[in-house]
N, C-alpha and C. Protein backbone atom coordinates (compact mmCIF):
# COMPACT_ATOMS: atom_id res chain seq x y z
N UNK A 1 -48.86 -37.18 18.42
CA UNK A 1 -50.02 -36.47 17.93
C UNK A 1 -49.79 -34.98 18.11
N UNK A 2 -50.27 -34.20 17.18
CA UNK A 2 -50.18 -32.76 17.30
C UNK A 2 -51.43 -32.17 16.69
N UNK A 3 -51.71 -30.95 17.07
CA UNK A 3 -52.84 -30.23 16.50
C UNK A 3 -52.30 -29.01 15.79
N UNK A 4 -52.78 -28.79 14.60
CA UNK A 4 -52.36 -27.61 13.86
C UNK A 4 -53.58 -26.70 13.74
N UNK A 5 -53.40 -25.44 14.08
CA UNK A 5 -54.50 -24.50 13.95
C UNK A 5 -54.83 -24.31 12.48
N UNK A 6 -56.11 -24.39 12.13
CA UNK A 6 -56.47 -24.19 10.72
C UNK A 6 -56.27 -22.74 10.32
N UNK A 7 -55.95 -22.52 9.05
CA UNK A 7 -55.78 -21.15 8.55
C UNK A 7 -57.09 -20.37 8.68
N UNK A 8 -58.20 -21.04 8.44
CA UNK A 8 -59.52 -20.41 8.55
C UNK A 8 -60.31 -21.19 9.60
N UNK A 9 -60.47 -20.66 10.83
CA UNK A 9 -61.15 -21.40 11.89
C UNK A 9 -62.57 -21.81 11.51
N UNK A 10 -63.23 -21.09 10.61
CA UNK A 10 -64.58 -21.45 10.21
C UNK A 10 -64.60 -22.76 9.43
N UNK A 11 -63.45 -23.15 8.84
CA UNK A 11 -63.38 -24.34 8.01
C UNK A 11 -62.80 -25.55 8.75
N UNK A 12 -62.52 -25.42 10.04
CA UNK A 12 -61.91 -26.55 10.74
C UNK A 12 -62.88 -27.72 10.80
N UNK A 13 -62.32 -28.90 10.72
CA UNK A 13 -63.14 -30.09 10.80
C UNK A 13 -63.38 -30.42 12.25
N UNK A 14 -64.58 -30.91 12.53
CA UNK A 14 -64.93 -31.26 13.90
C UNK A 14 -63.94 -32.29 14.44
N UNK A 15 -63.33 -31.98 15.57
CA UNK A 15 -62.42 -32.92 16.21
C UNK A 15 -60.99 -32.84 15.72
N UNK A 16 -60.72 -32.13 14.62
CA UNK A 16 -59.36 -32.05 14.11
C UNK A 16 -58.47 -31.24 15.05
N UNK A 17 -59.00 -30.14 15.56
CA UNK A 17 -58.27 -29.32 16.51
C UNK A 17 -59.03 -29.38 17.84
N UNK A 18 -58.42 -29.94 18.86
CA UNK A 18 -59.12 -30.05 20.15
C UNK A 18 -59.27 -28.70 20.83
N UNK A 19 -59.94 -28.71 21.96
CA UNK A 19 -60.11 -27.50 22.75
C UNK A 19 -58.74 -26.85 22.95
N UNK A 20 -58.63 -25.56 22.66
CA UNK A 20 -57.35 -24.87 22.70
C UNK A 20 -57.57 -23.47 23.25
N UNK A 21 -56.72 -23.03 24.18
CA UNK A 21 -56.83 -21.69 24.77
C UNK A 21 -55.43 -21.16 25.01
N UNK A 22 -55.21 -19.91 24.61
CA UNK A 22 -53.93 -19.24 24.86
C UNK A 22 -54.17 -18.13 25.86
N UNK A 23 -53.32 -18.06 26.88
CA UNK A 23 -53.38 -16.97 27.85
C UNK A 23 -51.99 -16.33 27.93
N UNK A 24 -51.98 -15.03 28.16
CA UNK A 24 -50.73 -14.27 28.13
C UNK A 24 -50.60 -13.45 29.40
N UNK A 25 -49.43 -13.47 30.00
CA UNK A 25 -49.13 -12.62 31.15
C UNK A 25 -47.84 -11.88 30.91
N UNK A 26 -47.72 -10.69 31.47
CA UNK A 26 -46.47 -9.95 31.32
C UNK A 26 -46.20 -9.15 32.58
N UNK A 27 -44.94 -8.80 32.76
CA UNK A 27 -44.52 -7.96 33.88
C UNK A 27 -43.47 -7.00 33.36
N UNK A 28 -43.63 -5.73 33.72
CA UNK A 28 -42.64 -4.71 33.33
C UNK A 28 -41.42 -4.83 34.21
N UNK A 29 -40.25 -4.61 33.63
CA UNK A 29 -39.00 -4.70 34.37
C UNK A 29 -38.66 -3.34 34.96
N UNK A 30 -38.22 -3.38 36.18
CA UNK A 30 -37.70 -2.17 36.82
C UNK A 30 -36.27 -1.96 36.36
N UNK A 31 -35.79 -0.76 36.43
CA UNK A 31 -34.44 -0.43 35.96
C UNK A 31 -33.38 -1.32 36.63
N UNK A 32 -33.55 -1.60 37.94
CA UNK A 32 -32.55 -2.41 38.65
C UNK A 32 -32.63 -3.89 38.29
N UNK A 33 -33.73 -4.35 37.67
CA UNK A 33 -33.86 -5.76 37.27
C UNK A 33 -33.11 -6.08 35.98
N UNK A 34 -32.84 -5.10 35.19
CA UNK A 34 -32.34 -5.33 33.83
C UNK A 34 -30.96 -5.98 33.76
N UNK A 35 -30.04 -5.76 34.71
CA UNK A 35 -28.76 -6.46 34.61
C UNK A 35 -28.89 -7.98 34.79
N UNK A 36 -29.95 -8.45 35.49
CA UNK A 36 -30.16 -9.89 35.68
C UNK A 36 -30.57 -10.50 34.35
N UNK A 37 -29.75 -11.37 33.80
CA UNK A 37 -30.02 -11.94 32.48
C UNK A 37 -31.04 -13.07 32.50
N UNK A 38 -31.36 -13.66 33.66
CA UNK A 38 -32.28 -14.78 33.69
C UNK A 38 -33.73 -14.35 33.83
N UNK A 39 -34.00 -13.27 34.52
CA UNK A 39 -35.36 -12.76 34.75
C UNK A 39 -36.29 -13.81 35.36
N UNK A 40 -35.73 -14.78 36.08
CA UNK A 40 -36.54 -15.87 36.64
C UNK A 40 -37.65 -15.34 37.54
N UNK A 41 -37.34 -14.42 38.43
CA UNK A 41 -38.35 -13.90 39.35
C UNK A 41 -39.43 -13.14 38.59
N UNK A 42 -39.03 -12.42 37.55
CA UNK A 42 -40.00 -11.65 36.78
C UNK A 42 -40.95 -12.55 35.99
N UNK A 43 -40.41 -13.66 35.45
CA UNK A 43 -41.27 -14.62 34.76
C UNK A 43 -42.25 -15.26 35.75
N UNK A 44 -41.78 -15.55 36.95
CA UNK A 44 -42.67 -16.10 37.98
C UNK A 44 -43.75 -15.09 38.34
N UNK A 45 -43.38 -13.81 38.40
CA UNK A 45 -44.38 -12.76 38.66
C UNK A 45 -45.43 -12.73 37.57
N UNK A 46 -45.01 -12.81 36.31
CA UNK A 46 -45.96 -12.78 35.19
C UNK A 46 -46.90 -13.98 35.26
N UNK A 47 -46.36 -15.16 35.58
CA UNK A 47 -47.22 -16.35 35.72
C UNK A 47 -48.13 -16.19 36.93
N UNK A 48 -47.61 -15.66 38.02
CA UNK A 48 -48.41 -15.45 39.23
C UNK A 48 -49.58 -14.51 38.98
N UNK A 49 -49.37 -13.51 38.14
CA UNK A 49 -50.47 -12.60 37.82
C UNK A 49 -51.60 -13.33 37.11
N UNK A 50 -51.25 -14.32 36.27
CA UNK A 50 -52.29 -15.11 35.60
C UNK A 50 -53.14 -15.86 36.62
N UNK A 51 -52.50 -16.33 37.69
CA UNK A 51 -53.24 -17.06 38.71
C UNK A 51 -54.13 -16.15 39.54
N UNK A 52 -53.82 -14.87 39.58
CA UNK A 52 -54.64 -13.91 40.32
C UNK A 52 -55.87 -13.45 39.55
N UNK A 53 -55.86 -13.62 38.24
CA UNK A 53 -56.99 -13.21 37.41
C UNK A 53 -57.99 -14.35 37.33
N UNK A 54 -59.24 -14.08 37.70
CA UNK A 54 -60.24 -15.13 37.84
C UNK A 54 -60.43 -15.94 36.55
N UNK A 55 -60.59 -15.30 35.42
CA UNK A 55 -60.84 -16.02 34.18
C UNK A 55 -59.63 -16.87 33.79
N UNK A 56 -58.43 -16.29 33.86
CA UNK A 56 -57.23 -17.05 33.50
C UNK A 56 -57.00 -18.21 34.46
N UNK A 57 -57.24 -17.98 35.75
CA UNK A 57 -57.09 -19.07 36.73
C UNK A 57 -58.07 -20.20 36.43
N UNK A 58 -59.30 -19.83 36.00
CA UNK A 58 -60.28 -20.87 35.68
C UNK A 58 -59.81 -21.71 34.50
N UNK A 59 -59.12 -21.10 33.52
CA UNK A 59 -58.57 -21.87 32.41
C UNK A 59 -57.47 -22.81 32.89
N UNK A 60 -56.57 -22.28 33.73
CA UNK A 60 -55.43 -23.07 34.20
C UNK A 60 -55.84 -24.24 35.08
N UNK A 61 -56.97 -24.13 35.76
CA UNK A 61 -57.42 -25.19 36.66
C UNK A 61 -58.54 -26.04 36.07
N UNK A 62 -58.91 -25.79 34.83
CA UNK A 62 -59.97 -26.56 34.16
C UNK A 62 -59.44 -27.97 33.87
N UNK A 63 -60.08 -28.97 34.44
CA UNK A 63 -59.62 -30.36 34.31
C UNK A 63 -59.76 -30.91 32.89
N UNK A 64 -60.51 -30.22 32.03
CA UNK A 64 -60.64 -30.70 30.66
C UNK A 64 -59.36 -30.48 29.86
N UNK A 65 -58.53 -29.52 30.28
CA UNK A 65 -57.25 -29.30 29.59
C UNK A 65 -56.25 -30.33 30.10
N UNK A 66 -55.62 -31.04 29.18
CA UNK A 66 -54.71 -32.12 29.57
C UNK A 66 -53.24 -31.80 29.34
N UNK A 67 -52.94 -30.78 28.53
CA UNK A 67 -51.56 -30.46 28.19
C UNK A 67 -51.37 -28.95 28.16
N UNK A 68 -50.13 -28.53 28.43
CA UNK A 68 -49.82 -27.10 28.41
C UNK A 68 -48.47 -26.90 27.73
N UNK A 69 -48.38 -25.85 26.95
CA UNK A 69 -47.12 -25.42 26.35
C UNK A 69 -46.82 -24.02 26.86
N UNK A 70 -45.60 -23.76 27.23
CA UNK A 70 -45.25 -22.47 27.84
C UNK A 70 -44.11 -21.84 27.04
N UNK A 71 -44.31 -20.57 26.69
CA UNK A 71 -43.27 -19.80 26.00
C UNK A 71 -42.89 -18.58 26.83
N UNK A 72 -41.62 -18.25 26.85
CA UNK A 72 -41.11 -17.11 27.61
C UNK A 72 -40.32 -16.20 26.68
N UNK A 73 -40.47 -14.89 26.88
CA UNK A 73 -39.71 -13.93 26.08
C UNK A 73 -39.50 -12.65 26.89
N UNK A 74 -38.50 -11.88 26.50
CA UNK A 74 -38.31 -10.56 27.11
C UNK A 74 -37.70 -9.64 26.07
N UNK A 75 -37.95 -8.35 26.23
CA UNK A 75 -37.40 -7.37 25.30
C UNK A 75 -36.56 -6.31 26.00
N UNK A 76 -36.20 -6.56 27.25
CA UNK A 76 -35.40 -5.59 28.01
C UNK A 76 -36.24 -4.64 28.85
N UNK A 77 -37.53 -4.48 28.50
CA UNK A 77 -38.41 -3.62 29.29
C UNK A 77 -39.51 -4.40 29.97
N UNK A 78 -39.82 -5.58 29.46
CA UNK A 78 -40.85 -6.42 30.08
C UNK A 78 -40.58 -7.89 29.76
N UNK A 79 -41.16 -8.76 30.57
CA UNK A 79 -41.12 -10.20 30.31
C UNK A 79 -42.53 -10.62 29.92
N UNK A 80 -42.62 -11.66 29.10
CA UNK A 80 -43.89 -12.14 28.59
C UNK A 80 -43.94 -13.65 28.75
N UNK A 81 -45.07 -14.16 29.21
CA UNK A 81 -45.27 -15.60 29.30
C UNK A 81 -46.55 -15.92 28.54
N UNK A 82 -46.47 -16.90 27.66
CA UNK A 82 -47.63 -17.36 26.90
C UNK A 82 -47.84 -18.82 27.27
N UNK A 83 -49.05 -19.14 27.66
CA UNK A 83 -49.38 -20.51 28.03
C UNK A 83 -50.50 -20.99 27.11
N UNK A 84 -50.23 -22.07 26.38
CA UNK A 84 -51.20 -22.66 25.47
C UNK A 84 -51.75 -23.91 26.15
N UNK A 85 -53.04 -23.93 26.39
CA UNK A 85 -53.70 -25.05 27.03
C UNK A 85 -54.47 -25.82 25.97
N UNK A 86 -54.40 -27.14 26.01
CA UNK A 86 -55.14 -27.96 25.05
C UNK A 86 -55.65 -29.22 25.71
N UNK A 87 -56.70 -29.74 25.14
CA UNK A 87 -57.27 -30.99 25.61
C UNK A 87 -57.03 -32.04 24.53
N UNK A 88 -56.22 -33.00 24.82
CA UNK A 88 -56.02 -34.12 23.90
C UNK A 88 -56.98 -35.22 24.30
N UNK A 89 -57.57 -35.83 23.29
CA UNK A 89 -58.59 -36.83 23.54
C UNK A 89 -58.01 -38.23 23.66
N UNK A 90 -56.86 -38.46 23.04
CA UNK A 90 -56.22 -39.77 23.13
C UNK A 90 -54.72 -39.61 22.96
N UNK A 91 -54.01 -40.63 23.34
CA UNK A 91 -52.56 -40.63 23.22
C UNK A 91 -52.16 -41.88 22.46
N UNK A 92 -51.35 -41.73 21.43
CA UNK A 92 -50.86 -42.88 20.66
C UNK A 92 -49.48 -43.24 21.20
N UNK A 93 -49.36 -44.44 21.71
CA UNK A 93 -48.10 -44.91 22.27
C UNK A 93 -47.26 -45.65 21.23
N UNK A 94 -47.93 -46.37 20.33
CA UNK A 94 -47.22 -47.17 19.35
C UNK A 94 -48.03 -47.22 18.06
N UNK A 95 -47.34 -47.09 16.96
CA UNK A 95 -47.96 -47.15 15.63
C UNK A 95 -47.06 -48.03 14.77
N UNK A 96 -47.55 -49.22 14.43
CA UNK A 96 -46.74 -50.18 13.67
C UNK A 96 -47.52 -50.74 12.50
N UNK A 97 -46.79 -51.29 11.56
CA UNK A 97 -47.39 -52.00 10.44
C UNK A 97 -47.83 -53.38 10.94
N UNK A 98 -49.07 -53.74 10.64
CA UNK A 98 -49.58 -55.05 11.03
C UNK A 98 -49.13 -56.11 10.02
N UNK A 99 -49.19 -57.38 10.40
CA UNK A 99 -48.75 -58.47 9.52
C UNK A 99 -49.56 -58.53 8.24
N UNK A 100 -50.84 -58.12 8.31
CA UNK A 100 -51.70 -58.19 7.13
C UNK A 100 -51.59 -56.95 6.23
N UNK A 101 -50.62 -56.06 6.54
CA UNK A 101 -50.45 -54.85 5.74
C UNK A 101 -51.21 -53.66 6.28
N UNK A 102 -52.01 -53.88 7.30
CA UNK A 102 -52.75 -52.79 7.93
C UNK A 102 -51.88 -52.04 8.92
N UNK A 103 -52.52 -51.26 9.74
CA UNK A 103 -51.81 -50.46 10.74
C UNK A 103 -52.28 -50.89 12.12
N UNK A 104 -51.33 -51.09 13.02
CA UNK A 104 -51.61 -51.45 14.40
C UNK A 104 -51.35 -50.21 15.26
N UNK A 105 -52.39 -49.77 16.00
CA UNK A 105 -52.29 -48.58 16.84
C UNK A 105 -52.52 -48.99 18.28
N UNK A 106 -51.63 -48.54 19.17
CA UNK A 106 -51.78 -48.81 20.59
C UNK A 106 -51.71 -47.48 21.32
N UNK A 107 -52.63 -47.24 22.26
CA UNK A 107 -52.64 -45.99 23.00
C UNK A 107 -53.68 -45.97 24.10
N UNK A 108 -54.02 -44.76 24.53
CA UNK A 108 -54.97 -44.59 25.64
C UNK A 108 -55.96 -43.48 25.31
N UNK A 109 -57.19 -43.66 25.76
CA UNK A 109 -58.20 -42.60 25.70
C UNK A 109 -57.96 -41.72 26.93
N UNK A 110 -57.87 -40.40 26.74
CA UNK A 110 -57.55 -39.48 27.83
C UNK A 110 -58.76 -38.73 28.38
N UNK A 111 -59.86 -38.73 27.65
CA UNK A 111 -61.04 -37.98 28.08
C UNK A 111 -62.21 -38.94 28.26
N UNK A 112 -63.00 -38.70 29.32
CA UNK A 112 -64.21 -39.49 29.51
C UNK A 112 -65.17 -39.23 28.36
N UNK A 113 -66.05 -40.16 28.11
CA UNK A 113 -67.06 -40.04 27.06
C UNK A 113 -66.43 -39.84 25.69
N UNK A 114 -65.27 -40.43 25.48
CA UNK A 114 -64.56 -40.31 24.22
C UNK A 114 -64.24 -41.71 23.71
N UNK A 115 -64.38 -41.89 22.42
CA UNK A 115 -64.03 -43.16 21.80
C UNK A 115 -63.45 -42.89 20.43
N UNK A 116 -62.91 -43.91 19.83
CA UNK A 116 -62.33 -43.79 18.51
C UNK A 116 -63.29 -44.43 17.52
N UNK A 117 -63.78 -43.64 16.58
CA UNK A 117 -64.71 -44.13 15.56
C UNK A 117 -63.97 -44.48 14.28
N UNK A 118 -63.09 -43.61 13.86
CA UNK A 118 -62.34 -43.82 12.62
C UNK A 118 -61.03 -43.05 12.72
N UNK A 119 -60.13 -43.34 11.84
CA UNK A 119 -58.85 -42.63 11.81
C UNK A 119 -58.58 -42.23 10.37
N UNK A 120 -57.92 -41.09 10.22
CA UNK A 120 -57.54 -40.63 8.89
C UNK A 120 -56.04 -40.41 8.89
N UNK A 121 -55.36 -40.95 7.92
CA UNK A 121 -53.92 -40.80 7.82
C UNK A 121 -53.61 -39.60 6.94
N UNK A 122 -52.78 -38.71 7.46
CA UNK A 122 -52.40 -37.49 6.73
C UNK A 122 -50.90 -37.44 6.57
N UNK A 123 -50.47 -36.87 5.48
CA UNK A 123 -49.05 -36.58 5.32
C UNK A 123 -48.84 -35.13 5.73
N UNK A 124 -47.62 -34.78 5.99
CA UNK A 124 -47.30 -33.41 6.39
C UNK A 124 -47.76 -32.42 5.31
N UNK A 125 -47.62 -32.79 4.06
CA UNK A 125 -48.00 -31.89 2.96
C UNK A 125 -49.51 -31.76 2.78
N UNK A 126 -50.27 -32.71 3.30
CA UNK A 126 -51.73 -32.64 3.10
C UNK A 126 -52.45 -31.87 4.19
N UNK A 127 -51.74 -31.43 5.21
CA UNK A 127 -52.38 -30.71 6.31
C UNK A 127 -52.50 -29.25 5.97
């Protein structure tokens, strides 16, 4: 399962894109840090700064978010960390053709007070 951000957020369908939040942290590099090609400590500093900020920490510790994507980048003067938090409502473990020509779906509900009412099949080109 994946969520694609709609081109126009005002037109998104209810439930198509789950709760989604992006937070960004960065740290400037000191002149003596620049020969280090990994910047591991600097990336940890940038992430640590996010934990020190009350609003960002509240996002990172919000139990409604079930998944996180992390991106790292640097331009020689600073490091940047982007963390995308999302809440997935269910997980599909198996999707098979049923004997009667229908579709058999097996998975788990990940959020309380959530159920499956209907499903819509989309092709990559129709999204």
